[in-house]
Amino acid sequence: MIEFATRGDFVGFADKIGINEQASLRKRAEDRAPAGATFLSHSSKDKDLVTGAIRLLEGHGATVYLDKKDPTLPPYTNKDTAKGLKNRINQSGKFVLLASENSKESRWVPWELGLADGYKGLDKTAILPAVENQRDTSWTNWKYLGLYDRIVWGDLQGHEKKVWMVLDRRKNTAVTLSSWLAR
């Protein structure tokens, strides 16, 4: 049986560390270079979930890169903004989309996913769903998200306990999240 992480799970992951440590974790992810890191794409409306997602990924071996608005760029989107984002996604080692209802409404998230698909391919791109509850599968109705592997919690053959894994629904196979991040 597999489960998706809920919004409450992500908030809970973050709450296990203090406010100062949460801010420090986010700042490190924003300040590091994207080269070889795991690019975490998310809606700006999901700021409350990002720290928990970083903790989950880094707890399994990732070095998370969190894109932030570059203060040296103009306040409006232009060719330089697009070029910079393309370069950062291309430089990253993996791409993870924190998928929520807010992601669908974002102007940037679908574009970032498309860029990642082009630069990384299916093997280095995964969806990390953040659902309201386990019965909430509304995010799966976005046709293009069905192309990508999903980061889920569940039973994996050869493991005694439930583990975080990356599920390839097309092949009906999974690997541990740690293994996926390491390759």
N, C-alpha and C. Protein backbone atom coordinates (compact mmCIF):
# COMPACT_ATOMS: atom_id res chain seq x y z
N MET A 1 0.84 -1.19 0.00
CA MET A 1 0.00 0.00 0.00
C MET A 1 0.88 1.24 0.00
N ILE A 2 0.52 2.22 -0.82
CA ILE A 2 1.28 3.47 -0.86
C ILE A 2 0.42 4.62 -0.35
N GLU A 3 1.10 5.63 0.16
CA GLU A 3 0.43 6.83 0.65
C GLU A 3 1.18 8.05 0.14
N PHE A 4 0.44 9.11 -0.09
CA PHE A 4 1.03 10.40 -0.42
C PHE A 4 1.22 11.18 0.87
N ALA A 5 2.19 12.07 0.87
CA ALA A 5 2.37 12.95 2.02
C ALA A 5 1.25 13.99 2.00
N THR A 6 0.71 14.27 3.17
CA THR A 6 -0.33 15.28 3.28
C THR A 6 0.31 16.63 3.59
N ARG A 7 -0.48 17.67 3.41
CA ARG A 7 -0.01 19.01 3.78
C ARG A 7 0.38 19.02 5.26
N GLY A 8 -0.40 18.34 6.08
CA GLY A 8 -0.10 18.26 7.51
C GLY A 8 1.22 17.55 7.79
N ASP A 9 1.54 16.53 6.98
CA ASP A 9 2.82 15.84 7.13
C ASP A 9 3.99 16.80 6.91
N PHE A 10 3.90 17.60 5.85
CA PHE A 10 4.99 18.54 5.56
C PHE A 10 5.14 19.58 6.66
N VAL A 11 4.03 20.09 7.15
CA VAL A 11 4.08 21.05 8.26
C VAL A 11 4.69 20.37 9.49
N GLY A 12 4.31 19.12 9.73
CA GLY A 12 4.85 18.37 10.86
C GLY A 12 6.34 18.11 10.73
N PHE A 13 6.82 17.81 9.52
CA PHE A 13 8.25 17.61 9.31
C PHE A 13 9.02 18.88 9.70
N ALA A 14 8.48 20.02 9.32
CA ALA A 14 9.13 21.30 9.64
C ALA A 14 9.05 21.61 11.13
N ASP A 15 7.91 21.31 11.74
CA ASP A 15 7.71 21.63 13.16
C ASP A 15 8.64 20.86 14.09
N LYS A 16 9.27 19.79 13.58
CA LYS A 16 10.17 19.00 14.42
C LYS A 16 11.48 19.73 14.69
N ILE A 17 11.71 20.82 13.99
CA ILE A 17 12.89 21.64 14.27
C ILE A 17 12.40 23.05 14.62
N GLY A 18 13.23 23.80 15.29
CA GLY A 18 12.85 25.15 15.72
C GLY A 18 12.70 26.13 14.57
N ILE A 19 12.09 27.25 14.85
CA ILE A 19 11.85 28.30 13.85
C ILE A 19 13.17 28.80 13.25
N ASN A 20 14.17 29.01 14.10
CA ASN A 20 15.46 29.49 13.60
C ASN A 20 16.11 28.47 12.68
N GLU A 21 16.03 27.19 13.04
CA GLU A 21 16.61 26.15 12.20
C GLU A 21 15.84 26.03 10.88
N GLN A 22 14.51 26.22 10.92
CA GLN A 22 13.72 26.20 9.69
C GLN A 22 14.18 27.31 8.74
N ALA A 23 14.36 28.51 9.29
CA ALA A 23 14.80 29.65 8.47
C ALA A 23 16.20 29.39 7.91
N SER A 24 17.06 28.82 8.71
CA SER A 24 18.42 28.52 8.28
C SER A 24 18.42 27.46 7.16
N LEU A 25 17.59 26.46 7.31
CA LEU A 25 17.48 25.40 6.30
C LEU A 25 17.04 25.98 4.96
N ARG A 26 16.02 26.82 4.99
CA ARG A 26 15.54 27.46 3.75
C ARG A 26 16.61 28.36 3.14
N LYS A 27 17.27 29.14 3.98
CA LYS A 27 18.30 30.07 3.49
C LYS A 27 19.44 29.31 2.82
N ARG A 28 19.87 28.21 3.42
CA ARG A 28 20.93 27.40 2.80
C ARG A 28 20.49 26.89 1.43
N ALA A 29 19.24 26.43 1.33
CA ALA A 29 18.72 25.91 0.06
C ALA A 29 18.64 27.02 -0.99
N GLU A 30 18.32 28.23 -0.56
CA GLU A 30 18.23 29.37 -1.48
C GLU A 30 19.60 29.90 -1.89
N ASP A 31 20.57 29.81 -1.00
CA ASP A 31 21.88 30.40 -1.25
C ASP A 31 22.86 29.48 -1.98
N ARG A 32 22.60 28.19 -1.98
CA ARG A 32 23.57 27.28 -2.60
C ARG A 32 23.47 27.34 -4.12
N ALA A 33 24.52 26.90 -4.75
CA ALA A 33 24.54 26.82 -6.21
C ALA A 33 23.68 25.63 -6.65
N PRO A 34 23.00 25.75 -7.78
CA PRO A 34 22.14 24.65 -8.25
C PRO A 34 22.90 23.47 -8.83
N ALA A 35 24.17 23.65 -9.17
CA ALA A 35 24.93 22.60 -9.85
C ALA A 35 24.93 21.30 -9.04
N GLY A 36 24.34 20.26 -9.62
CA GLY A 36 24.29 18.95 -9.00
C GLY A 36 23.26 18.79 -7.90
N ALA A 37 22.60 19.85 -7.51
CA ALA A 37 21.61 19.79 -6.43
C ALA A 37 20.26 19.30 -6.95
N THR A 38 19.35 19.07 -6.02
CA THR A 38 17.98 18.72 -6.37
C THR A 38 17.16 20.01 -6.38
N PHE A 39 16.66 20.39 -7.54
CA PHE A 39 15.86 21.60 -7.71
C PHE A 39 14.46 21.30 -7.19
N LEU A 40 14.01 22.05 -6.19
CA LEU A 40 12.67 21.86 -5.62
C LEU A 40 11.75 22.95 -6.15
N SER A 41 10.88 22.58 -7.06
CA SER A 41 9.91 23.51 -7.63
C SER A 41 8.65 23.48 -6.78
N HIS A 42 8.06 24.67 -6.58
CA HIS A 42 6.86 24.75 -5.74
C HIS A 42 6.12 26.05 -6.04
N SER A 43 4.86 26.09 -5.68
CA SER A 43 4.08 27.31 -5.78
C SER A 43 4.46 28.22 -4.61
N SER A 44 4.52 29.51 -4.88
CA SER A 44 4.82 30.45 -3.80
C SER A 44 3.73 30.42 -2.72
N LYS A 45 2.55 29.91 -3.06
CA LYS A 45 1.46 29.78 -2.08
C LYS A 45 1.68 28.61 -1.12
N ASP A 46 2.69 27.79 -1.39
CA ASP A 46 2.97 26.62 -0.55
C ASP A 46 4.22 26.80 0.31
N LYS A 47 4.52 28.04 0.67
CA LYS A 47 5.70 28.32 1.49
C LYS A 47 5.69 27.53 2.79
N ASP A 48 4.50 27.27 3.32
CA ASP A 48 4.38 26.53 4.59
C ASP A 48 4.79 25.06 4.46
N LEU A 49 4.89 24.56 3.25
CA LEU A 49 5.23 23.16 3.02
C LEU A 49 6.69 22.94 2.63
N VAL A 50 7.34 23.99 2.18
CA VAL A 50 8.68 23.87 1.60
C VAL A 50 9.71 23.36 2.60
N THR A 51 9.72 23.87 3.81
CA THR A 51 10.71 23.43 4.78
C THR A 51 10.57 21.94 5.07
N GLY A 52 9.35 21.46 5.20
CA GLY A 52 9.13 20.03 5.41
C GLY A 52 9.59 19.20 4.23
N ALA A 53 9.37 19.70 3.01
CA ALA A 53 9.82 18.99 1.81
C ALA A 53 11.35 18.95 1.75
N ILE A 54 11.99 20.05 2.11
CA ILE A 54 13.46 20.08 2.14
C ILE A 54 13.96 19.05 3.15
N ARG A 55 13.37 19.03 4.33
CA ARG A 55 13.80 18.06 5.36
C ARG A 55 13.65 16.62 4.87
N LEU A 56 12.53 16.33 4.22
CA LEU A 56 12.30 14.98 3.70
C LEU A 56 13.38 14.62 2.70
N LEU A 57 13.60 15.47 1.72
CA LEU A 57 14.57 15.18 0.66
C LEU A 57 16.00 15.12 1.20
N GLU A 58 16.38 16.08 2.02
CA GLU A 58 17.74 16.08 2.55
C GLU A 58 17.96 14.95 3.54
N GLY A 59 16.90 14.51 4.20
CA GLY A 59 17.00 13.36 5.09
C GLY A 59 17.28 12.06 4.34
N HIS A 60 17.13 12.09 3.02
CA HIS A 60 17.40 10.92 2.18
C HIS A 60 18.58 11.14 1.24
N GLY A 61 19.39 12.15 1.54
CA GLY A 61 20.64 12.33 0.81
C GLY A 61 20.68 13.45 -0.21
N ALA A 62 19.58 14.16 -0.41
CA ALA A 62 19.58 15.25 -1.39
C ALA A 62 20.27 16.48 -0.83
N THR A 63 20.77 17.29 -1.72
CA THR A 63 21.17 18.66 -1.41
C THR A 63 20.18 19.50 -2.19
N VAL A 64 19.26 20.14 -1.49
CA VAL A 64 18.14 20.83 -2.15
C VAL A 64 18.53 22.25 -2.53
N TYR A 65 18.18 22.61 -3.76
CA TYR A 65 18.30 23.97 -4.25
C TYR A 65 16.90 24.54 -4.37
N LEU A 66 16.70 25.70 -3.77
CA LEU A 66 15.41 26.37 -3.79
C LEU A 66 15.59 27.68 -4.55
N ASP A 67 14.92 27.82 -5.68
CA ASP A 67 15.07 29.01 -6.49
C ASP A 67 14.36 30.17 -5.80
N LYS A 68 14.99 31.32 -5.84
CA LYS A 68 14.38 32.51 -5.27
C LYS A 68 14.48 33.63 -6.28
N LYS A 69 13.70 34.65 -6.08
CA LYS A 69 13.74 35.81 -6.96
C LYS A 69 15.09 36.49 -6.81
N ASP A 70 15.78 36.63 -7.91
CA ASP A 70 17.09 37.28 -7.91
C ASP A 70 16.88 38.80 -7.83
N PRO A 71 17.36 39.45 -6.77
CA PRO A 71 17.13 40.89 -6.62
C PRO A 71 17.84 41.73 -7.68
N THR A 72 18.79 41.15 -8.41
CA THR A 72 19.47 41.91 -9.45
C THR A 72 18.68 41.95 -10.76
N LEU A 73 17.65 41.12 -10.87
CA LEU A 73 16.84 41.10 -12.08
C LEU A 73 15.71 42.11 -11.97
N PRO A 74 15.18 42.56 -13.10
CA PRO A 74 14.06 43.50 -13.06
C PRO A 74 12.82 42.86 -12.41
N PRO A 75 11.90 43.66 -11.91
CA PRO A 75 10.72 43.13 -11.21
C PRO A 75 9.74 42.41 -12.12
N TYR A 76 9.91 42.50 -13.41
CA TYR A 76 9.05 41.82 -14.37
C TYR A 76 9.85 40.72 -15.07
N THR A 77 9.15 39.74 -15.59
CA THR A 77 9.81 38.63 -16.27
C THR A 77 10.27 39.08 -17.65
N ASN A 78 11.51 38.74 -17.96
CA ASN A 78 12.04 39.07 -19.28
C ASN A 78 12.94 37.92 -19.75
N LYS A 79 13.64 38.11 -20.86
CA LYS A 79 14.49 37.05 -21.41
C LYS A 79 15.61 36.66 -20.45
N ASP A 80 16.13 37.62 -19.70
CA ASP A 80 17.20 37.31 -18.75
C ASP A 80 16.68 36.44 -17.61
N THR A 81 15.46 36.74 -17.15
CA THR A 81 14.84 35.92 -16.10
C THR A 81 14.70 34.49 -16.59
N ALA A 82 14.15 34.34 -17.78
CA ALA A 82 13.93 33.01 -18.35
C ALA A 82 15.25 32.28 -18.56
N LYS A 83 16.25 32.97 -19.08
CA LYS A 83 17.55 32.35 -19.32
C LYS A 83 18.17 31.87 -18.01
N GLY A 84 18.08 32.69 -16.96
CA GLY A 84 18.63 32.31 -15.67
C GLY A 84 17.96 31.07 -15.10
N LEU A 85 16.65 31.03 -15.18
CA LEU A 85 15.91 29.87 -14.67
C LEU A 85 16.26 28.61 -15.47
N LYS A 86 16.32 28.74 -16.78
CA LYS A 86 16.69 27.60 -17.62
C LYS A 86 18.07 27.06 -17.22
N ASN A 87 19.02 27.97 -17.01
CA ASN A 87 20.37 27.56 -16.63
C ASN A 87 20.38 26.84 -15.29
N ARG A 88 19.63 27.35 -14.31
CA ARG A 88 19.62 26.74 -12.98
C ARG A 88 18.99 25.34 -13.02
N ILE A 89 17.92 25.17 -13.78
CA ILE A 89 17.31 23.85 -13.90
C ILE A 89 18.24 22.90 -14.64
N ASN A 90 18.88 23.38 -15.69
CA ASN A 90 19.80 22.55 -16.45
C ASN A 90 20.98 22.09 -15.60
N GLN A 91 21.49 22.96 -14.74
CA GLN A 91 22.64 22.65 -13.88
C GLN A 91 22.29 21.66 -12.78
N SER A 92 21.05 21.65 -12.35
CA SER A 92 20.67 20.78 -11.23
C SER A 92 20.79 19.32 -11.62
N GLY A 93 20.95 18.47 -10.59
CA GLY A 93 21.07 17.04 -10.84
C GLY A 93 19.73 16.35 -10.96
N LYS A 94 18.80 16.74 -10.11
CA LYS A 94 17.44 16.17 -10.10
C LYS A 94 16.45 17.33 -10.03
N PHE A 95 15.21 17.02 -10.35
CA PHE A 95 14.13 18.02 -10.28
C PHE A 95 12.95 17.36 -9.57
N VAL A 96 12.48 18.00 -8.50
CA VAL A 96 11.32 17.50 -7.77
C VAL A 96 10.28 18.62 -7.73
N LEU A 97 9.07 18.28 -8.14
CA LEU A 97 7.96 19.23 -8.07
C LEU A 97 7.10 18.91 -6.86
N LEU A 98 7.01 19.85 -5.93
CA LEU A 98 6.10 19.74 -4.80
C LEU A 98 4.71 20.08 -5.33
N ALA A 99 3.91 19.06 -5.60
CA ALA A 99 2.63 19.23 -6.30
C ALA A 99 1.48 19.37 -5.32
N SER A 100 0.75 20.46 -5.46
CA SER A 100 -0.43 20.71 -4.64
C SER A 100 -1.48 21.37 -5.54
N GLU A 101 -2.61 21.64 -4.98
CA GLU A 101 -3.63 22.37 -5.74
C GLU A 101 -3.10 23.72 -6.20
N ASN A 102 -2.23 24.33 -5.39
CA ASN A 102 -1.66 25.63 -5.75
C ASN A 102 -0.73 25.54 -6.96
N SER A 103 -0.09 24.39 -7.15
CA SER A 103 0.84 24.23 -8.27
C SER A 103 0.14 24.40 -9.61
N LYS A 104 -1.06 23.89 -9.67
CA LYS A 104 -1.82 23.94 -10.92
C LYS A 104 -2.10 25.39 -11.33
N GLU A 105 -2.27 26.27 -10.36
CA GLU A 105 -2.61 27.66 -10.64
C GLU A 105 -1.38 28.53 -10.86
N SER A 106 -0.20 28.01 -10.55
CA SER A 106 1.04 28.77 -10.69
C SER A 106 1.37 29.01 -12.15
N ARG A 107 1.93 30.16 -12.43
CA ARG A 107 2.39 30.45 -13.79
C ARG A 107 3.76 29.84 -14.04
N TRP A 108 4.54 29.67 -12.99
CA TRP A 108 5.92 29.20 -13.13
C TRP A 108 6.05 27.69 -13.06
N VAL A 109 5.32 27.05 -12.17
CA VAL A 109 5.52 25.62 -11.90
C VAL A 109 5.38 24.75 -13.16
N PRO A 110 4.33 24.87 -13.95
CA PRO A 110 4.25 24.03 -15.15
C PRO A 110 5.39 24.28 -16.13
N TRP A 111 5.82 25.54 -16.23
CA TRP A 111 6.93 25.86 -17.13
C TRP A 111 8.22 25.23 -16.62
N GLU A 112 8.47 25.33 -15.30
CA GLU A 112 9.66 24.70 -14.72
C GLU A 112 9.65 23.19 -14.96
N LEU A 113 8.48 22.57 -14.79
CA LEU A 113 8.39 21.12 -15.03
C LEU A 113 8.69 20.79 -16.49
N GLY A 114 8.20 21.60 -17.40
CA GLY A 114 8.50 21.39 -18.82
C GLY A 114 9.98 21.54 -19.12
N LEU A 115 10.61 22.53 -18.51
CA LEU A 115 12.05 22.70 -18.69
C LEU A 115 12.80 21.48 -18.15
N ALA A 116 12.41 21.05 -16.95
CA ALA A 116 13.06 19.89 -16.33
C ALA A 116 12.90 18.66 -17.21
N ASP A 117 11.72 18.47 -17.78
CA ASP A 117 11.49 17.34 -18.66
C ASP A 117 12.47 17.38 -19.83
N GLY A 118 12.66 18.55 -20.40
CA GLY A 118 13.56 18.69 -21.53
C GLY A 118 15.03 18.50 -21.15
N TYR A 119 15.43 19.04 -20.03
CA TYR A 119 16.83 18.96 -19.61
C TYR A 119 17.17 17.67 -18.87
N LYS A 120 16.26 17.19 -18.04
CA LYS A 120 16.55 16.06 -17.16
C LYS A 120 15.98 14.74 -17.67
N GLY A 121 14.85 14.81 -18.36
CA GLY A 121 14.17 13.59 -18.79
C GLY A 121 13.36 13.00 -17.65
N LEU A 122 12.69 11.91 -17.93
CA LEU A 122 11.80 11.29 -16.95
C LEU A 122 12.55 10.66 -15.78
N ASP A 123 13.76 10.18 -15.99
CA ASP A 123 14.48 9.47 -14.94
C ASP A 123 14.97 10.36 -13.81
N LYS A 124 15.12 11.65 -14.06
CA LYS A 124 15.64 12.56 -13.04
C LYS A 124 14.62 13.58 -12.59
N THR A 125 13.37 13.32 -12.88
CA THR A 125 12.27 14.22 -12.52
C THR A 125 11.23 13.43 -11.76
N ALA A 126 10.76 13.97 -10.64
CA ALA A 126 9.74 13.28 -9.85
C ALA A 126 8.76 14.29 -9.25
N ILE A 127 7.57 13.78 -8.98
CA ILE A 127 6.51 14.57 -8.36
C ILE A 127 6.42 14.18 -6.89
N LEU A 128 6.39 15.18 -6.01
CA LEU A 128 6.20 14.97 -4.58
C LEU A 128 4.84 15.56 -4.22
N PRO A 129 3.79 14.72 -4.23
CA PRO A 129 2.45 15.24 -3.97
C PRO A 129 2.27 15.69 -2.52
N ALA A 130 1.55 16.78 -2.35
CA ALA A 130 1.15 17.27 -1.03
C ALA A 130 -0.38 17.34 -1.06
N VAL A 131 -1.01 16.32 -0.52
CA VAL A 131 -2.46 16.21 -0.59
C VAL A 131 -3.11 16.70 0.70
N GLU A 132 -4.39 16.99 0.62
CA GLU A 132 -5.13 17.39 1.83
C GLU A 132 -5.33 16.20 2.76
N ASN A 133 -5.65 15.06 2.18
CA ASN A 133 -5.83 13.81 2.93
C ASN A 133 -5.60 12.66 1.96
N GLN A 134 -5.54 11.44 2.48
CA GLN A 134 -5.20 10.28 1.64
C GLN A 134 -6.24 9.99 0.55
N ARG A 135 -7.45 10.46 0.72
CA ARG A 135 -8.48 10.24 -0.31
C ARG A 135 -8.42 11.29 -1.42
N ASP A 136 -7.61 12.32 -1.20
CA ASP A 136 -7.49 13.42 -2.15
C ASP A 136 -6.54 13.02 -3.28
N THR A 137 -7.09 12.77 -4.43
CA THR A 137 -6.26 12.44 -5.60
C THR A 137 -6.50 13.44 -6.72
N SER A 138 -7.04 14.60 -6.39
CA SER A 138 -7.38 15.58 -7.42
C SER A 138 -6.17 16.02 -8.24
N TRP A 139 -4.99 16.05 -7.62
CA TRP A 139 -3.79 16.47 -8.34
C TRP A 139 -3.47 15.50 -9.48
N THR A 140 -3.91 14.25 -9.38
CA THR A 140 -3.60 13.26 -10.43
C THR A 140 -4.41 13.52 -11.70
N ASN A 141 -5.38 14.42 -11.64
CA ASN A 141 -6.18 14.73 -12.82
C ASN A 141 -5.44 15.63 -13.81
N TRP A 142 -4.31 16.15 -13.44
CA TRP A 142 -3.52 16.95 -14.37
C TRP A 142 -2.78 15.98 -15.26
N LYS A 143 -3.21 15.86 -16.46
CA LYS A 143 -2.72 14.81 -17.36
C LYS A 143 -1.21 14.72 -17.43
N TYR A 144 -0.53 15.84 -17.52
CA TYR A 144 0.91 15.78 -17.70
C TYR A 144 1.65 15.25 -16.47
N LEU A 145 1.07 15.34 -15.28
CA LEU A 145 1.75 14.83 -14.08
C LEU A 145 1.83 13.31 -14.07
N GLY A 146 0.95 12.66 -14.80
CA GLY A 146 0.97 11.20 -14.87
C GLY A 146 2.20 10.64 -15.57
N LEU A 147 2.94 11.49 -16.25
CA LEU A 147 4.15 11.06 -16.94
C LEU A 147 5.31 10.77 -15.98
N TYR A 148 5.25 11.36 -14.81
CA TYR A 148 6.42 11.38 -13.93
C TYR A 148 6.30 10.43 -12.76
N ASP A 149 7.47 9.97 -12.30
CA ASP A 149 7.53 9.15 -11.09
C ASP A 149 7.04 9.97 -9.90
N ARG A 150 6.56 9.26 -8.88
CA ARG A 150 5.99 9.92 -7.70
C ARG A 150 6.75 9.51 -6.45
N ILE A 151 6.97 10.46 -5.59
CA ILE A 151 7.60 10.17 -4.30
C ILE A 151 6.48 9.87 -3.32
N VAL A 152 6.50 8.64 -2.80
CA VAL A 152 5.42 8.15 -1.93
C VAL A 152 6.01 7.41 -0.73
N TRP A 153 5.15 7.12 0.21
CA TRP A 153 5.48 6.38 1.43
C TRP A 153 4.77 5.05 1.33
N GLY A 154 5.48 3.94 1.57
CA GLY A 154 4.77 2.68 1.51
C GLY A 154 5.66 1.47 1.64
N ASP A 155 5.06 0.33 1.32
CA ASP A 155 5.75 -0.96 1.40
C ASP A 155 6.55 -1.17 0.12
N LEU A 156 7.80 -1.55 0.30
CA LEU A 156 8.67 -1.84 -0.83
C LEU A 156 9.29 -3.20 -0.60
N GLN A 157 9.17 -4.05 -1.60
CA GLN A 157 9.70 -5.41 -1.49
C GLN A 157 11.16 -5.37 -1.04
N GLY A 158 11.47 -6.22 -0.06
CA GLY A 158 12.82 -6.30 0.47
C GLY A 158 13.06 -5.42 1.68
N HIS A 159 12.04 -4.67 2.09
CA HIS A 159 12.15 -3.79 3.26
C HIS A 159 11.11 -4.20 4.29
N GLU A 160 11.54 -4.30 5.53
CA GLU A 160 10.62 -4.71 6.59
C GLU A 160 9.64 -3.62 6.97
N LYS A 161 10.08 -2.37 6.93
CA LYS A 161 9.24 -1.23 7.31
C LYS A 161 8.85 -0.46 6.06
N LYS A 162 7.85 0.41 6.22
CA LYS A 162 7.50 1.31 5.13
C LYS A 162 8.66 2.27 4.89
N VAL A 163 8.82 2.66 3.64
CA VAL A 163 9.92 3.55 3.27
C VAL A 163 9.42 4.63 2.32
N TRP A 164 10.19 5.73 2.23
CA TRP A 164 9.96 6.72 1.18
C TRP A 164 10.58 6.15 -0.08
N MET A 165 9.83 6.19 -1.15
CA MET A 165 10.30 5.60 -2.40
C MET A 165 9.86 6.44 -3.58
N VAL A 166 10.47 6.16 -4.71
CA VAL A 166 10.08 6.79 -5.96
C VAL A 166 9.42 5.70 -6.80
N LEU A 167 8.15 5.90 -7.08
CA LEU A 167 7.31 4.93 -7.76
C LEU A 167 7.21 5.26 -9.24
N ASP A 168 7.55 4.30 -10.06
CA ASP A 168 7.37 4.41 -11.51
C ASP A 168 6.11 3.63 -11.85
N ARG A 169 5.01 4.33 -12.00
CA ARG A 169 3.72 3.67 -12.28
C ARG A 169 3.70 3.02 -13.65
N ARG A 170 4.46 3.55 -14.59
CA ARG A 170 4.48 2.98 -15.94
C ARG A 170 5.02 1.56 -15.92
N LYS A 171 6.07 1.34 -15.13
CA LYS A 171 6.70 0.02 -15.06
C LYS A 171 6.26 -0.77 -13.83
N ASN A 172 5.49 -0.13 -12.97
CA ASN A 172 5.06 -0.73 -11.70
C ASN A 172 6.28 -1.20 -10.88
N THR A 173 7.26 -0.29 -10.78
CA THR A 173 8.46 -0.55 -10.00
C THR A 173 8.72 0.64 -9.08
N ALA A 174 9.57 0.41 -8.09
CA ALA A 174 9.94 1.49 -7.19
C ALA A 174 11.35 1.26 -6.68
N VAL A 175 12.00 2.35 -6.31
CA VAL A 175 13.29 2.32 -5.63
C VAL A 175 13.18 3.24 -4.43
N THR A 176 14.04 3.02 -3.46
CA THR A 176 14.02 3.91 -2.30
C THR A 176 14.35 5.32 -2.75
N LEU A 177 13.83 6.29 -2.03
CA LEU A 177 14.11 7.69 -2.34
C LEU A 177 15.61 7.94 -2.28
N SER A 178 16.28 7.37 -1.29
CA SER A 178 17.74 7.53 -1.17
C SER A 178 18.45 7.01 -2.42
N SER A 179 18.05 5.86 -2.92
CA SER A 179 18.67 5.29 -4.12
C SER A 179 18.44 6.18 -5.34
N TRP A 180 17.23 6.67 -5.48
CA TRP A 180 16.90 7.53 -6.63
C TRP A 180 17.73 8.81 -6.60
N LEU A 181 17.85 9.40 -5.42
CA LEU A 181 18.61 10.64 -5.29
C LEU A 181 20.09 10.43 -5.57
N ALA A 182 20.61 9.24 -5.25
CA ALA A 182 22.03 8.95 -5.40
C ALA A 182 22.45 8.65 -6.84
N ARG A 183 21.49 8.28 -7.69
CA ARG A 183 21.91 7.93 -9.06
C ARG A 183 21.94 9.10 -9.99
